[in-house]
Amino acid sequence: MVEHKGADRWSNDNFQRIIEEANKPGSIIKQKNIIEIDPDTYEGRKEVVVAKTSAEEKMEAEKLTIEAMPESEEKVKAATTLEIKKTIYETIPQVNNEVRSVHELSQTDIKDIVVAKVKEQLLSSAQRRRSRQPTSLPLMNLSSKRLRYPG
């Protein structure tokens, strides 16, 4: 067995220095790496920041474009299409049990599930709005063959 007395002594001395530094009153290790902020010296205001996804930003921009359009059948169609896109976007997380990867979203059976959920959501939202204003969503034309996901 080869002894490395020099290396052992250096390791022991180095370890001892680390222990001594850790035992000093102002040591970071003594503070358990907790960052302390004195509330009296902190004058910033607290605010919650929520970031939008790129798909949400695109739909918001599309909404502003549609709102700027003059009243017409084209505006109604564009608003309805945007509502369907938003509903598809909101529906995709609901199929987490059926979908394991993004590539599966292009499969017909998965699209059929999404279409059924989208139709269900759009019909229920249309029923809620019906008391306010009549609406006609082209739900019967919505099919998995033409389904493209937003984003």
N, C-alpha and C. Protein backbone atom coordinates (compact mmCIF):
# COMPACT_ATOMS: atom_id res chain seq x y z
N MET A 1 0.84 -1.18 0.00
CA MET A 1 0.00 0.00 0.00
C MET A 1 0.89 1.25 0.00
N VAL A 2 0.60 2.18 -0.93
CA VAL A 2 1.38 3.40 -1.06
C VAL A 2 0.71 4.48 -0.22
N GLU A 3 1.53 5.15 0.58
CA GLU A 3 0.98 6.23 1.41
C GLU A 3 1.24 7.58 0.74
N HIS A 4 0.28 8.44 0.85
CA HIS A 4 0.39 9.79 0.29
C HIS A 4 0.25 10.78 1.43
N LYS A 5 1.28 10.83 2.26
CA LYS A 5 1.22 11.67 3.45
C LYS A 5 1.04 13.15 3.10
N GLY A 6 1.69 13.62 2.03
CA GLY A 6 1.59 15.02 1.64
C GLY A 6 0.17 15.37 1.22
N ALA A 7 -0.45 14.51 0.41
CA ALA A 7 -1.82 14.76 -0.05
C ALA A 7 -2.81 14.67 1.09
N ASP A 8 -2.59 13.70 1.99
CA ASP A 8 -3.48 13.56 3.14
C ASP A 8 -3.40 14.79 4.05
N ARG A 9 -2.17 15.26 4.26
CA ARG A 9 -1.98 16.44 5.12
C ARG A 9 -2.65 17.66 4.50
N TRP A 10 -2.47 17.85 3.16
CA TRP A 10 -3.09 18.99 2.47
C TRP A 10 -4.61 18.91 2.58
N SER A 11 -5.19 17.71 2.36
CA SER A 11 -6.64 17.53 2.45
C SER A 11 -7.13 17.86 3.84
N ASN A 12 -6.40 17.39 4.85
CA ASN A 12 -6.81 17.63 6.22
C ASN A 12 -6.74 19.11 6.56
N ASP A 13 -5.66 19.78 6.13
CA ASP A 13 -5.51 21.22 6.39
C ASP A 13 -6.60 22.02 5.66
N ASN A 14 -6.86 21.67 4.41
CA ASN A 14 -7.88 22.36 3.61
C ASN A 14 -9.26 22.15 4.24
N PHE A 15 -9.56 20.95 4.66
CA PHE A 15 -10.83 20.65 5.31
C PHE A 15 -10.98 21.47 6.58
N GLN A 16 -9.91 21.57 7.34
CA GLN A 16 -9.94 22.33 8.58
C GLN A 16 -10.22 23.81 8.31
N ARG A 17 -9.63 24.37 7.23
CA ARG A 17 -9.90 25.77 6.87
C ARG A 17 -11.36 25.97 6.51
N ILE A 18 -11.93 25.02 5.79
CA ILE A 18 -13.35 25.12 5.42
C ILE A 18 -14.23 25.11 6.66
N ILE A 19 -13.92 24.23 7.59
CA ILE A 19 -14.69 24.15 8.84
C ILE A 19 -14.58 25.46 9.62
N GLU A 20 -13.38 26.03 9.71
CA GLU A 20 -13.19 27.29 10.42
C GLU A 20 -13.98 28.42 9.78
N GLU A 21 -13.96 28.49 8.45
CA GLU A 21 -14.72 29.53 7.74
C GLU A 21 -16.22 29.34 7.98
N ALA A 22 -16.67 28.11 7.96
CA ALA A 22 -18.09 27.82 8.15
C ALA A 22 -18.56 28.19 9.55
N ASN A 23 -17.65 28.11 10.54
CA ASN A 23 -18.02 28.39 11.93
C ASN A 23 -17.98 29.87 12.28
N LYS A 24 -17.50 30.72 11.38
CA LYS A 24 -17.48 32.16 11.65
C LYS A 24 -18.92 32.67 11.72
N PRO A 25 -19.18 33.68 12.55
CA PRO A 25 -20.55 34.19 12.74
C PRO A 25 -21.26 34.64 11.45
N GLY A 26 -20.58 35.27 10.53
CA GLY A 26 -21.23 35.78 9.32
C GLY A 26 -21.19 34.80 8.15
N SER A 27 -20.85 33.57 8.42
CA SER A 27 -20.67 32.58 7.36
C SER A 27 -21.97 32.29 6.61
N ILE A 28 -21.85 32.14 5.30
CA ILE A 28 -23.01 31.78 4.47
C ILE A 28 -23.55 30.43 4.90
N ILE A 29 -22.69 29.53 5.23
CA ILE A 29 -23.12 28.19 5.66
C ILE A 29 -23.91 28.28 6.95
N LYS A 30 -23.50 29.15 7.87
CA LYS A 30 -24.26 29.34 9.11
C LYS A 30 -25.66 29.87 8.83
N GLN A 31 -25.77 30.67 7.77
CA GLN A 31 -27.07 31.23 7.42
C GLN A 31 -27.90 30.25 6.61
N LYS A 32 -27.37 29.09 6.36
CA LYS A 32 -28.07 28.03 5.63
C LYS A 32 -28.47 28.48 4.22
N ASN A 33 -27.62 29.33 3.62
CA ASN A 33 -27.84 29.80 2.25
C ASN A 33 -29.19 30.46 2.05
N ILE A 34 -29.72 31.07 3.07
CA ILE A 34 -31.00 31.77 2.97
C ILE A 34 -30.71 33.23 2.69
N ILE A 35 -31.32 33.76 1.67
CA ILE A 35 -31.16 35.17 1.34
C ILE A 35 -32.16 35.94 2.18
N GLU A 36 -31.66 36.86 2.96
CA GLU A 36 -32.53 37.64 3.84
C GLU A 36 -32.70 39.03 3.26
N ILE A 37 -33.94 39.47 3.16
CA ILE A 37 -34.24 40.81 2.68
C ILE A 37 -34.95 41.54 3.80
N ASP A 38 -34.38 42.66 4.18
CA ASP A 38 -34.98 43.46 5.24
C ASP A 38 -36.16 44.22 4.65
N PRO A 39 -37.37 43.93 5.12
CA PRO A 39 -38.56 44.60 4.55
C PRO A 39 -38.52 46.12 4.69
N ASP A 40 -37.80 46.63 5.69
CA ASP A 40 -37.72 48.09 5.88
C ASP A 40 -36.90 48.75 4.78
N THR A 41 -35.93 48.02 4.23
CA THR A 41 -35.09 48.61 3.19
C THR A 41 -35.61 48.30 1.80
N TYR A 42 -36.56 47.40 1.68
CA TYR A 42 -37.13 47.04 0.38
C TYR A 42 -38.32 47.93 0.08
N GLU A 43 -38.17 48.79 -0.92
CA GLU A 43 -39.24 49.74 -1.23
C GLU A 43 -39.97 49.41 -2.52
N GLY A 44 -39.58 48.33 -3.18
CA GLY A 44 -40.23 47.96 -4.43
C GLY A 44 -41.64 47.47 -4.20
N ARG A 45 -42.42 47.56 -5.22
CA ARG A 45 -43.79 47.06 -5.09
C ARG A 45 -43.85 45.65 -5.63
N LYS A 46 -44.76 44.91 -5.13
CA LYS A 46 -44.91 43.52 -5.55
C LYS A 46 -45.99 43.45 -6.62
N GLU A 47 -45.70 42.69 -7.66
CA GLU A 47 -46.70 42.52 -8.70
C GLU A 47 -46.53 41.14 -9.33
N VAL A 48 -47.64 40.58 -9.72
CA VAL A 48 -47.63 39.28 -10.36
C VAL A 48 -47.54 39.51 -11.87
N VAL A 49 -46.63 38.81 -12.51
CA VAL A 49 -46.44 38.94 -13.94
C VAL A 49 -46.84 37.61 -14.58
N VAL A 50 -47.74 37.68 -15.54
CA VAL A 50 -48.19 36.48 -16.24
C VAL A 50 -47.78 36.61 -17.70
N ALA A 51 -47.03 35.65 -18.15
CA ALA A 51 -46.57 35.67 -19.54
C ALA A 51 -47.54 34.91 -20.42
N LYS A 52 -47.74 35.42 -21.63
CA LYS A 52 -48.61 34.76 -22.59
C LYS A 52 -47.76 33.89 -23.51
N THR A 53 -48.36 32.82 -23.98
CA THR A 53 -47.66 31.99 -24.96
C THR A 53 -47.68 32.69 -26.31
N SER A 54 -46.86 32.23 -27.23
CA SER A 54 -46.84 32.85 -28.56
C SER A 54 -48.18 32.65 -29.26
N ALA A 55 -48.83 31.50 -29.03
CA ALA A 55 -50.14 31.27 -29.64
C ALA A 55 -51.17 32.26 -29.08
N GLU A 56 -51.12 32.52 -27.77
CA GLU A 56 -52.04 33.49 -27.18
C GLU A 56 -51.78 34.89 -27.72
N GLU A 57 -50.52 35.25 -27.89
CA GLU A 57 -50.18 36.56 -28.44
C GLU A 57 -50.69 36.70 -29.87
N LYS A 58 -50.53 35.64 -30.68
CA LYS A 58 -51.02 35.68 -32.07
C LYS A 58 -52.54 35.84 -32.10
N MET A 59 -53.23 35.11 -31.21
CA MET A 59 -54.70 35.21 -31.19
C MET A 59 -55.14 36.58 -30.70
N GLU A 60 -54.41 37.17 -29.77
CA GLU A 60 -54.73 38.51 -29.30
C GLU A 60 -54.56 39.53 -30.43
N ALA A 61 -53.48 39.39 -31.19
CA ALA A 61 -53.25 40.29 -32.33
C ALA A 61 -54.35 40.11 -33.38
N GLU A 62 -54.73 38.86 -33.61
CA GLU A 62 -55.80 38.58 -34.57
C GLU A 62 -57.12 39.18 -34.10
N LYS A 63 -57.37 39.13 -32.79
CA LYS A 63 -58.59 39.71 -32.22
C LYS A 63 -58.62 41.22 -32.46
N LEU A 64 -57.49 41.88 -32.24
CA LEU A 64 -57.43 43.33 -32.47
C LEU A 64 -57.66 43.68 -33.94
N THR A 65 -57.11 42.85 -34.84
CA THR A 65 -57.32 43.06 -36.27
C THR A 65 -58.80 42.92 -36.61
N ILE A 66 -59.45 41.90 -36.06
CA ILE A 66 -60.88 41.66 -36.32
C ILE A 66 -61.72 42.79 -35.77
N GLU A 67 -61.38 43.27 -34.56
CA GLU A 67 -62.15 44.37 -33.96
C GLU A 67 -62.06 45.64 -34.80
N ALA A 68 -60.95 45.82 -35.50
CA ALA A 68 -60.77 47.01 -36.32
C ALA A 68 -61.50 46.92 -37.66
N MET A 69 -61.97 45.74 -38.02
CA MET A 69 -62.66 45.55 -39.30
C MET A 69 -64.05 46.18 -39.25
N PRO A 70 -64.54 46.68 -40.37
CA PRO A 70 -65.92 47.20 -40.40
C PRO A 70 -66.90 46.03 -40.28
N GLU A 71 -68.08 46.33 -39.76
CA GLU A 71 -69.09 45.29 -39.60
C GLU A 71 -69.41 44.67 -40.96
N SER A 72 -69.26 43.35 -41.03
CA SER A 72 -69.54 42.65 -42.27
C SER A 72 -69.62 41.15 -41.98
N GLU A 73 -70.02 40.43 -43.00
CA GLU A 73 -70.07 38.97 -42.87
C GLU A 73 -68.66 38.42 -42.69
N GLU A 74 -67.69 39.06 -43.34
CA GLU A 74 -66.29 38.63 -43.21
C GLU A 74 -65.80 38.78 -41.76
N LYS A 75 -66.21 39.88 -41.09
CA LYS A 75 -65.82 40.10 -39.70
C LYS A 75 -66.43 39.03 -38.80
N VAL A 76 -67.70 38.70 -39.03
CA VAL A 76 -68.37 37.67 -38.23
C VAL A 76 -67.68 36.32 -38.43
N LYS A 77 -67.35 36.01 -39.68
CA LYS A 77 -66.67 34.75 -39.99
C LYS A 77 -65.28 34.70 -39.33
N ALA A 78 -64.54 35.81 -39.39
CA ALA A 78 -63.20 35.87 -38.79
C ALA A 78 -63.29 35.73 -37.27
N ALA A 79 -64.28 36.37 -36.66
CA ALA A 79 -64.46 36.28 -35.20
C ALA A 79 -64.82 34.85 -34.79
N THR A 80 -65.68 34.21 -35.58
CA THR A 80 -66.07 32.83 -35.30
C THR A 80 -64.88 31.90 -35.45
N THR A 81 -64.09 32.10 -36.48
CA THR A 81 -62.89 31.28 -36.69
C THR A 81 -61.92 31.46 -35.54
N LEU A 82 -61.74 32.69 -35.09
CA LEU A 82 -60.85 32.95 -33.96
C LEU A 82 -61.37 32.28 -32.69
N GLU A 83 -62.67 32.33 -32.48
CA GLU A 83 -63.26 31.69 -31.30
C GLU A 83 -63.02 30.18 -31.35
N ILE A 84 -63.13 29.60 -32.53
CA ILE A 84 -62.87 28.16 -32.68
C ILE A 84 -61.40 27.86 -32.39
N LYS A 85 -60.49 28.70 -32.89
CA LYS A 85 -59.06 28.51 -32.62
C LYS A 85 -58.77 28.55 -31.13
N LYS A 86 -59.36 29.56 -30.46
CA LYS A 86 -59.16 29.68 -29.02
C LYS A 86 -59.69 28.46 -28.29
N THR A 87 -60.84 27.98 -28.71
CA THR A 87 -61.43 26.82 -28.07
C THR A 87 -60.58 25.57 -28.28
N ILE A 88 -60.04 25.43 -29.49
CA ILE A 88 -59.14 24.29 -29.76
C ILE A 88 -57.92 24.40 -28.84
N TYR A 89 -57.35 25.59 -28.75
CA TYR A 89 -56.16 25.82 -27.92
C TYR A 89 -56.47 25.48 -26.46
N GLU A 90 -57.65 25.86 -25.98
CA GLU A 90 -58.02 25.59 -24.60
C GLU A 90 -58.40 24.13 -24.38
N THR A 91 -58.80 23.43 -25.46
CA THR A 91 -59.25 22.05 -25.37
C THR A 91 -58.09 21.06 -25.36
N ILE A 92 -57.02 21.39 -26.03
CA ILE A 92 -55.89 20.44 -26.15
C ILE A 92 -55.42 19.91 -24.79
N PRO A 93 -55.29 20.74 -23.73
CA PRO A 93 -54.88 20.18 -22.44
C PRO A 93 -55.87 19.15 -21.88
N GLN A 94 -57.11 19.20 -22.31
CA GLN A 94 -58.12 18.26 -21.82
C GLN A 94 -57.93 16.85 -22.39
N VAL A 95 -57.12 16.71 -23.42
CA VAL A 95 -56.92 15.37 -24.01
C VAL A 95 -55.59 14.76 -23.54
N ASN A 96 -55.06 15.27 -22.44
CA ASN A 96 -53.80 14.74 -21.92
C ASN A 96 -53.85 13.25 -21.65
N ASN A 97 -55.00 12.73 -21.28
CA ASN A 97 -55.10 11.29 -21.01
C ASN A 97 -54.99 10.47 -22.29
N GLU A 98 -55.40 11.02 -23.41
CA GLU A 98 -55.39 10.28 -24.66
C GLU A 98 -54.12 10.51 -25.48
N VAL A 99 -53.42 11.62 -25.25
CA VAL A 99 -52.28 12.00 -26.07
C VAL A 99 -50.99 11.93 -25.25
N ARG A 100 -49.99 11.27 -25.81
CA ARG A 100 -48.71 11.17 -25.11
C ARG A 100 -47.65 12.10 -25.70
N SER A 101 -47.83 12.51 -26.96
CA SER A 101 -46.87 13.42 -27.58
C SER A 101 -47.61 14.33 -28.56
N VAL A 102 -46.96 15.41 -28.94
CA VAL A 102 -47.56 16.38 -29.85
C VAL A 102 -47.81 15.75 -31.22
N HIS A 103 -47.01 14.76 -31.59
CA HIS A 103 -47.17 14.11 -32.89
C HIS A 103 -48.49 13.35 -32.98
N GLU A 104 -49.00 12.89 -31.85
CA GLU A 104 -50.27 12.16 -31.84
C GLU A 104 -51.46 13.07 -32.17
N LEU A 105 -51.28 14.39 -32.06
CA LEU A 105 -52.38 15.31 -32.35
C LEU A 105 -52.78 15.27 -33.82
N SER A 106 -51.92 14.74 -34.67
CA SER A 106 -52.26 14.66 -36.09
C SER A 106 -53.01 13.37 -36.44
N GLN A 107 -53.15 12.47 -35.49
CA GLN A 107 -53.87 11.22 -35.75
C GLN A 107 -55.37 11.48 -35.78
N THR A 108 -56.05 10.83 -36.69
CA THR A 108 -57.48 11.06 -36.90
C THR A 108 -58.30 10.80 -35.65
N ASP A 109 -58.03 9.71 -34.93
CA ASP A 109 -58.83 9.41 -33.74
C ASP A 109 -58.64 10.48 -32.66
N ILE A 110 -57.44 11.02 -32.54
CA ILE A 110 -57.20 12.09 -31.56
C ILE A 110 -57.89 13.38 -32.03
N LYS A 111 -57.82 13.67 -33.32
CA LYS A 111 -58.51 14.85 -33.85
C LYS A 111 -60.02 14.73 -33.61
N ASP A 112 -60.56 13.52 -33.78
CA ASP A 112 -61.99 13.32 -33.53
C ASP A 112 -62.35 13.64 -32.09
N ILE A 113 -61.49 13.23 -31.15
CA ILE A 113 -61.73 13.53 -29.73
C ILE A 113 -61.70 15.04 -29.51
N VAL A 114 -60.70 15.70 -30.08
CA VAL A 114 -60.58 17.16 -29.93
C VAL A 114 -61.79 17.85 -30.55
N VAL A 115 -62.19 17.43 -31.74
CA VAL A 115 -63.35 18.03 -32.41
C VAL A 115 -64.59 17.88 -31.55
N ALA A 116 -64.81 16.70 -30.98
CA ALA A 116 -65.99 16.48 -30.13
C ALA A 116 -65.97 17.41 -28.93
N LYS A 117 -64.80 17.55 -28.30
CA LYS A 117 -64.68 18.45 -27.13
C LYS A 117 -64.87 19.91 -27.54
N VAL A 118 -64.33 20.28 -28.68
CA VAL A 118 -64.47 21.66 -29.17
C VAL A 118 -65.94 21.96 -29.46
N LYS A 119 -66.61 21.04 -30.16
CA LYS A 119 -68.04 21.24 -30.44
C LYS A 119 -68.83 21.39 -29.15
N GLU A 120 -68.52 20.55 -28.18
CA GLU A 120 -69.22 20.61 -26.90
C GLU A 120 -69.02 21.97 -26.23
N GLN A 121 -67.77 22.45 -26.21
CA GLN A 121 -67.49 23.75 -25.60
C GLN A 121 -68.14 24.89 -26.36
N LEU A 122 -68.06 24.85 -27.69
CA LEU A 122 -68.64 25.93 -28.48
C LEU A 122 -70.16 25.96 -28.36
N LEU A 123 -70.78 24.79 -28.35
CA LEU A 123 -72.23 24.75 -28.19
C LEU A 123 -72.65 25.29 -26.83
N SER A 124 -71.93 24.94 -25.78
CA SER A 124 -72.29 25.43 -24.45
C SER A 124 -72.06 26.94 -24.35
N SER A 125 -70.99 27.45 -24.96
CA SER A 125 -70.76 28.90 -24.92
C SER A 125 -71.79 29.63 -25.78
N ALA A 126 -72.20 29.01 -26.89
CA ALA A 126 -73.23 29.62 -27.74
C ALA A 126 -74.56 29.67 -27.00
N GLN A 127 -74.86 28.64 -26.23
CA GLN A 127 -76.11 28.63 -25.46
C GLN A 127 -76.09 29.70 -24.38
N ARG A 128 -74.92 29.92 -23.78
CA ARG A 128 -74.82 30.97 -22.75
C ARG A 128 -75.01 32.35 -23.37
N ARG A 129 -74.51 32.52 -24.61
CA ARG A 129 -74.63 33.82 -25.28
C ARG A 129 -75.99 34.02 -25.92
N ARG A 130 -76.70 32.96 -26.17
CA ARG A 130 -77.95 33.04 -26.92
C ARG A 130 -78.91 34.05 -26.31
N SER A 131 -78.92 34.15 -24.99
CA SER A 131 -79.82 35.10 -24.35
C SER A 131 -79.40 36.54 -24.65
N ARG A 132 -78.12 36.76 -24.92
CA ARG A 132 -77.64 38.11 -25.21
C ARG A 132 -77.79 38.48 -26.68
N GLN A 133 -77.38 37.57 -27.56
CA GLN A 133 -77.47 37.86 -28.99
C GLN A 133 -77.47 36.54 -29.76
N PRO A 134 -78.21 36.49 -30.84
CA PRO A 134 -78.22 35.26 -31.62
C PRO A 134 -76.87 35.02 -32.28
N THR A 135 -76.48 33.77 -32.35
CA THR A 135 -75.21 33.44 -32.98
C THR A 135 -75.37 32.15 -33.76
N SER A 136 -74.64 32.03 -34.81
CA SER A 136 -74.67 30.78 -35.56
C SER A 136 -73.23 30.36 -35.83
N LEU A 137 -72.79 29.34 -35.12
CA LEU A 137 -71.44 28.83 -35.32
C LEU A 137 -71.49 27.67 -36.30
N PRO A 138 -70.60 27.64 -37.25
CA PRO A 138 -70.62 26.57 -38.25
C PRO A 138 -70.02 25.27 -37.70
N LEU A 139 -70.65 24.74 -36.65
CA LEU A 139 -70.10 23.57 -35.98
C LEU A 139 -70.21 22.30 -36.82
N MET A 140 -71.22 22.21 -37.62
CA MET A 140 -71.38 20.99 -38.40
C MET A 140 -70.28 20.87 -39.46
N ASN A 141 -69.67 21.99 -39.84
CA ASN A 141 -68.59 21.97 -40.82
C ASN A 141 -67.24 21.69 -40.17
N LEU A 142 -67.18 21.69 -38.85
CA LEU A 142 -65.94 21.43 -38.14
C LEU A 142 -65.68 19.93 -38.13
N SER A 143 -64.59 19.53 -38.73
CA SER A 143 -64.27 18.11 -38.76
C SER A 143 -62.78 17.91 -38.57
N SER A 144 -62.40 16.70 -38.20
CA SER A 144 -60.99 16.41 -37.95
C SER A 144 -60.16 16.46 -39.22
N LYS A 145 -60.78 16.33 -40.38
CA LYS A 145 -60.03 16.37 -41.64
C LYS A 145 -59.48 17.76 -41.92
N ARG A 146 -60.17 18.79 -41.45
CA ARG A 146 -59.75 20.16 -41.70
C ARG A 146 -59.12 20.81 -40.47
N LEU A 147 -58.98 20.07 -39.39
CA LEU A 147 -58.51 20.63 -38.14
C LEU A 147 -57.02 20.96 -38.18
N ARG A 148 -56.71 22.22 -37.92
CA ARG A 148 -55.32 22.65 -37.79
C ARG A 148 -55.21 23.31 -36.43
N TYR A 149 -54.18 22.97 -35.70
CA TYR A 149 -54.02 23.49 -34.35
C TYR A 149 -53.37 24.86 -34.41
N PRO A 150 -53.83 25.77 -33.51
CA PRO A 150 -53.26 27.13 -33.50
C PRO A 150 -51.81 27.08 -33.02
N GLY A 151 -51.06 28.11 -33.42
CA GLY A 151 -49.69 28.24 -32.94
C GLY A 151 -48.77 27.91 -33.98
